[in-house]
N, C-alpha and C. Protein backbone atom coordinates (compact mmCIF):
# COMPACT_ATOMS: atom_id res chain seq x y z
N MET A 1 -17.22 36.58 -22.91
CA MET A 1 -17.55 37.36 -24.49
C MET A 1 -19.14 37.31 -24.70
N PRO A 2 -19.76 38.27 -25.16
CA PRO A 2 -20.82 38.36 -25.76
C PRO A 2 -20.55 37.27 -26.67
N ALA A 3 -21.75 36.83 -26.96
CA ALA A 3 -21.75 35.57 -28.04
C ALA A 3 -23.11 36.20 -29.21
N VAL A 4 -23.14 35.22 -30.34
CA VAL A 4 -24.17 35.45 -31.17
C VAL A 4 -24.46 33.79 -31.41
N GLU A 5 -25.97 33.76 -32.02
CA GLU A 5 -26.15 32.36 -32.48
C GLU A 5 -25.88 32.75 -33.77
N ALA A 6 -25.55 31.26 -34.25
CA ALA A 6 -25.12 31.25 -35.71
C ALA A 6 -25.01 29.68 -36.11
N TRP A 7 -25.76 29.63 -37.66
CA TRP A 7 -26.01 27.96 -37.75
C TRP A 7 -24.93 27.41 -38.41
N LEU A 8 -24.85 25.94 -38.35
CA LEU A 8 -23.37 25.23 -38.85
C LEU A 8 -23.87 24.06 -39.80
N LEU A 9 -23.31 24.52 -41.09
CA LEU A 9 -24.15 23.90 -42.19
C LEU A 9 -22.66 22.73 -42.60
N GLY A 10 -23.39 21.26 -42.88
CA GLY A 10 -22.13 20.34 -43.21
C GLY A 10 -21.24 19.77 -42.14
N GLY A 11 -20.48 18.49 -41.94
CA GLY A 11 -19.75 18.02 -41.33
C GLY A 11 -20.63 17.81 -40.11
N PRO A 12 -20.06 17.44 -38.95
CA PRO A 12 -20.71 16.87 -37.47
C PRO A 12 -21.77 17.59 -36.85
N ALA A 13 -21.83 19.06 -37.55
CA ALA A 13 -22.27 19.79 -36.55
C ALA A 13 -23.99 20.00 -37.51
N ASP A 14 -24.14 19.44 -38.63
CA ASP A 14 -25.05 19.81 -39.58
C ASP A 14 -26.15 20.39 -39.14
N GLY A 15 -26.73 21.44 -39.73
CA GLY A 15 -28.11 21.87 -39.39
C GLY A 15 -28.67 22.24 -37.89
N ARG A 16 -27.14 22.31 -36.90
CA ARG A 16 -27.10 22.79 -35.52
C ARG A 16 -27.37 24.33 -35.12
N ILE A 17 -27.74 24.90 -34.73
CA ILE A 17 -27.31 26.03 -33.85
C ILE A 17 -26.60 25.94 -32.82
N THR A 18 -25.78 27.14 -32.38
CA THR A 18 -24.71 27.16 -31.47
C THR A 18 -24.69 27.97 -30.98
N HIS A 19 -23.69 28.84 -29.91
CA HIS A 19 -23.49 30.11 -29.27
C HIS A 19 -21.99 30.28 -30.01
N ILE A 20 -21.79 31.97 -30.90
CA ILE A 20 -19.97 31.73 -31.16
C ILE A 20 -19.92 33.40 -30.83
N GLU A 21 -19.01 32.94 -30.36
CA GLU A 21 -18.42 34.49 -29.46
C GLU A 21 -18.01 35.17 -30.13
N VAL A 22 -17.63 36.55 -29.96
CA VAL A 22 -17.86 38.09 -30.53
C VAL A 22 -15.92 38.37 -30.55
N ASP A 23 -15.27 38.93 -31.13
CA ASP A 23 -14.51 40.16 -30.58
C ASP A 23 -15.26 41.15 -29.79
N ASP A 24 -14.29 42.16 -29.62
CA ASP A 24 -14.92 43.16 -28.28
C ASP A 24 -15.57 43.99 -29.34
N ASP A 25 -15.86 44.30 -30.47
CA ASP A 25 -15.90 45.10 -31.65
C ASP A 25 -17.51 44.38 -32.35
N GLY A 26 -18.05 43.46 -31.96
CA GLY A 26 -18.81 42.36 -32.34
C GLY A 26 -18.63 41.50 -33.46
N SER A 27 -17.32 41.31 -33.77
CA SER A 27 -17.07 41.21 -34.70
C SER A 27 -16.89 39.26 -35.21
N LEU A 28 -17.90 38.29 -35.65
CA LEU A 28 -17.95 36.85 -35.39
C LEU A 28 -16.31 36.70 -36.33
N PRO A 29 -15.68 35.73 -35.82
CA PRO A 29 -14.59 35.40 -36.02
C PRO A 29 -14.98 34.20 -37.58
N GLN A 30 -13.71 34.67 -38.44
CA GLN A 30 -13.57 33.91 -39.61
C GLN A 30 -13.83 32.78 -39.98
N ALA A 31 -13.49 32.26 -39.05
CA ALA A 31 -13.06 30.60 -38.67
C ALA A 31 -13.30 29.90 -37.17
N ILE A 32 -13.98 29.10 -37.05
CA ILE A 32 -13.81 28.06 -35.39
C ILE A 32 -14.09 27.18 -35.78
N VAL A 33 -12.80 26.58 -34.85
CA VAL A 33 -12.44 25.05 -34.84
C VAL A 33 -13.05 24.38 -33.03
N LEU A 34 -14.32 23.31 -33.75
CA LEU A 34 -15.19 22.33 -32.92
C LEU A 34 -14.55 20.84 -32.41
N PRO A 35 -14.59 20.67 -31.52
CA PRO A 35 -14.25 18.89 -31.26
C PRO A 35 -15.42 18.34 -31.04
N GLN A 36 -15.03 17.48 -31.60
CA GLN A 36 -16.20 16.12 -31.84
C GLN A 36 -15.80 14.78 -31.61
N SER A 37 -16.19 14.12 -30.88
CA SER A 37 -16.36 12.89 -30.05
C SER A 37 -17.10 12.16 -30.59
N GLY A 38 -17.50 11.19 -30.96
CA GLY A 38 -18.63 10.02 -31.32
C GLY A 38 -18.96 9.18 -30.02
N ALA A 39 -20.20 8.91 -30.36
CA ALA A 39 -20.40 7.63 -29.66
C ALA A 39 -19.68 6.08 -29.70
N TYR A 40 -19.66 5.23 -29.30
CA TYR A 40 -19.21 3.67 -29.44
C TYR A 40 -19.73 2.79 -28.55
N LEU A 41 -19.70 1.74 -29.74
CA LEU A 41 -20.43 0.21 -29.20
C LEU A 41 -19.29 -0.34 -29.33
N GLY A 42 -19.59 -1.07 -28.27
CA GLY A 42 -18.73 -2.13 -27.18
C GLY A 42 -17.70 -2.12 -26.46
N ALA A 43 -16.67 -2.70 -25.97
CA ALA A 43 -16.24 -2.61 -24.69
C ALA A 43 -15.09 -2.27 -25.71
N ARG A 44 -14.12 -1.11 -24.82
CA ARG A 44 -13.20 -0.20 -25.24
C ARG A 44 -12.26 0.01 -23.90
N ASP A 45 -11.12 0.14 -23.78
CA ASP A 45 -10.25 0.68 -22.53
C ASP A 45 -10.92 1.98 -22.06
N HIS A 46 -10.84 3.03 -23.48
CA HIS A 46 -11.32 4.60 -23.57
C HIS A 46 -11.46 5.02 -24.94
N PRO A 47 -12.33 5.65 -24.74
CA PRO A 47 -12.25 6.31 -26.13
C PRO A 47 -11.95 6.90 -26.76
N SER A 48 -11.50 7.06 -28.57
CA SER A 48 -11.05 7.64 -29.27
C SER A 48 -10.80 9.14 -28.93
N GLN A 49 -9.59 10.16 -29.32
CA GLN A 49 -9.56 11.25 -28.54
C GLN A 49 -10.59 12.05 -29.67
N PRO A 50 -11.18 13.38 -29.57
CA PRO A 50 -11.49 14.07 -30.37
C PRO A 50 -10.68 14.45 -31.53
N VAL A 51 -11.92 14.30 -32.54
CA VAL A 51 -11.43 14.84 -34.04
C VAL A 51 -11.84 16.57 -33.76
N GLN A 52 -11.61 17.47 -34.06
CA GLN A 52 -11.28 18.71 -34.12
C GLN A 52 -11.74 19.10 -35.99
N HIS A 53 -12.87 20.14 -35.88
CA HIS A 53 -13.10 20.16 -36.95
C HIS A 53 -13.57 22.02 -37.63
N ARG A 54 -12.85 22.32 -38.55
CA ARG A 54 -12.85 23.58 -39.25
C ARG A 54 -14.31 23.98 -39.49
N TYR A 55 -15.10 25.07 -39.42
CA TYR A 55 -16.52 25.57 -39.80
C TYR A 55 -15.60 27.07 -40.20
N LEU A 56 -16.15 27.36 -41.46
CA LEU A 56 -15.59 28.82 -41.60
C LEU A 56 -16.98 29.93 -42.23
N HIS A 57 -17.24 30.75 -41.93
CA HIS A 57 -18.10 31.96 -41.91
C HIS A 57 -18.18 32.41 -43.41
N CYS A 58 -19.40 32.35 -43.52
CA CYS A 58 -19.78 32.45 -44.84
C CYS A 58 -19.97 33.59 -45.36
N GLY A 59 -19.71 34.72 -44.24
CA GLY A 59 -19.61 35.94 -44.65
C GLY A 59 -20.95 36.75 -45.10
N ASP A 60 -22.13 36.27 -45.44
CA ASP A 60 -23.11 37.13 -46.21
C ASP A 60 -24.15 37.56 -45.35
N GLU A 61 -24.64 38.26 -45.23
CA GLU A 61 -24.96 39.11 -44.49
C GLU A 61 -27.17 38.15 -44.18
N VAL A 62 -26.63 37.18 -43.36
CA VAL A 62 -28.09 35.97 -42.90
C VAL A 62 -27.87 36.18 -41.49
N ASP A 63 -29.31 35.49 -41.18
CA ASP A 63 -29.82 36.08 -39.71
C ASP A 63 -30.23 34.49 -39.75
N PRO A 64 -29.88 33.83 -38.52
CA PRO A 64 -28.36 33.67 -37.88
C PRO A 64 -27.14 33.49 -38.59
N PRO A 65 -26.28 34.57 -38.61
CA PRO A 65 -24.72 33.74 -39.31
C PRO A 65 -24.40 32.50 -39.68
N THR A 66 -24.28 32.16 -40.78
CA THR A 66 -24.03 30.94 -40.72
C THR A 66 -22.14 30.46 -41.15
N PHE A 67 -22.16 29.81 -40.50
CA PHE A 67 -20.68 28.78 -41.04
C PHE A 67 -20.90 27.55 -41.59
N ARG A 68 -19.70 27.30 -42.27
CA ARG A 68 -19.99 26.16 -43.56
C ARG A 68 -18.38 25.18 -43.25
N TYR A 69 -19.15 24.00 -43.21
CA TYR A 69 -18.11 23.20 -43.01
C TYR A 69 -16.63 22.68 -43.81
N GLU A 70 -15.36 22.97 -43.49
CA GLU A 70 -14.55 23.13 -44.31
C GLU A 70 -13.56 21.58 -44.44
N GLY A 71 -13.34 21.11 -43.17
CA GLY A 71 -13.24 19.14 -42.78
C GLY A 71 -12.10 19.45 -41.79
N PRO A 72 -12.35 18.28 -41.47
CA PRO A 72 -11.50 18.02 -40.29
C PRO A 72 -10.00 18.74 -40.33
N VAL A 73 -9.34 19.23 -38.86
CA VAL A 73 -8.02 20.00 -39.24
C VAL A 73 -7.24 19.00 -38.50
N GLY A 74 -6.33 18.98 -39.59
CA GLY A 74 -5.22 17.99 -39.65
C GLY A 74 -4.11 18.32 -38.35
N GLN A 75 -3.23 16.86 -38.35
CA GLN A 75 -2.42 16.94 -37.14
C GLN A 75 -1.37 18.33 -37.35
N GLY A 76 -1.13 18.75 -36.22
CA GLY A 76 -0.40 20.05 -35.78
C GLY A 76 -0.83 21.39 -36.33
N GLN A 77 -2.41 21.65 -36.36
CA GLN A 77 -2.86 22.40 -37.59
C GLN A 77 -3.57 23.16 -35.96
């Protein structure tokens, strides 16, 4: 799928630019969900599971397109 560059504002990916896949007609998704895992200090048997975070497309005509942080995705969503 083709992709465009988009800004992510707020949350764990604040101020980053990333590639977002578009659909067949070139439209951006209304929301994206990104997994985020952190860096851990100390000895652990295994790292914690990644947390998924939702970003919503702002919908305004800016270049590059902008997605604003909505919050972590709860269990079962």
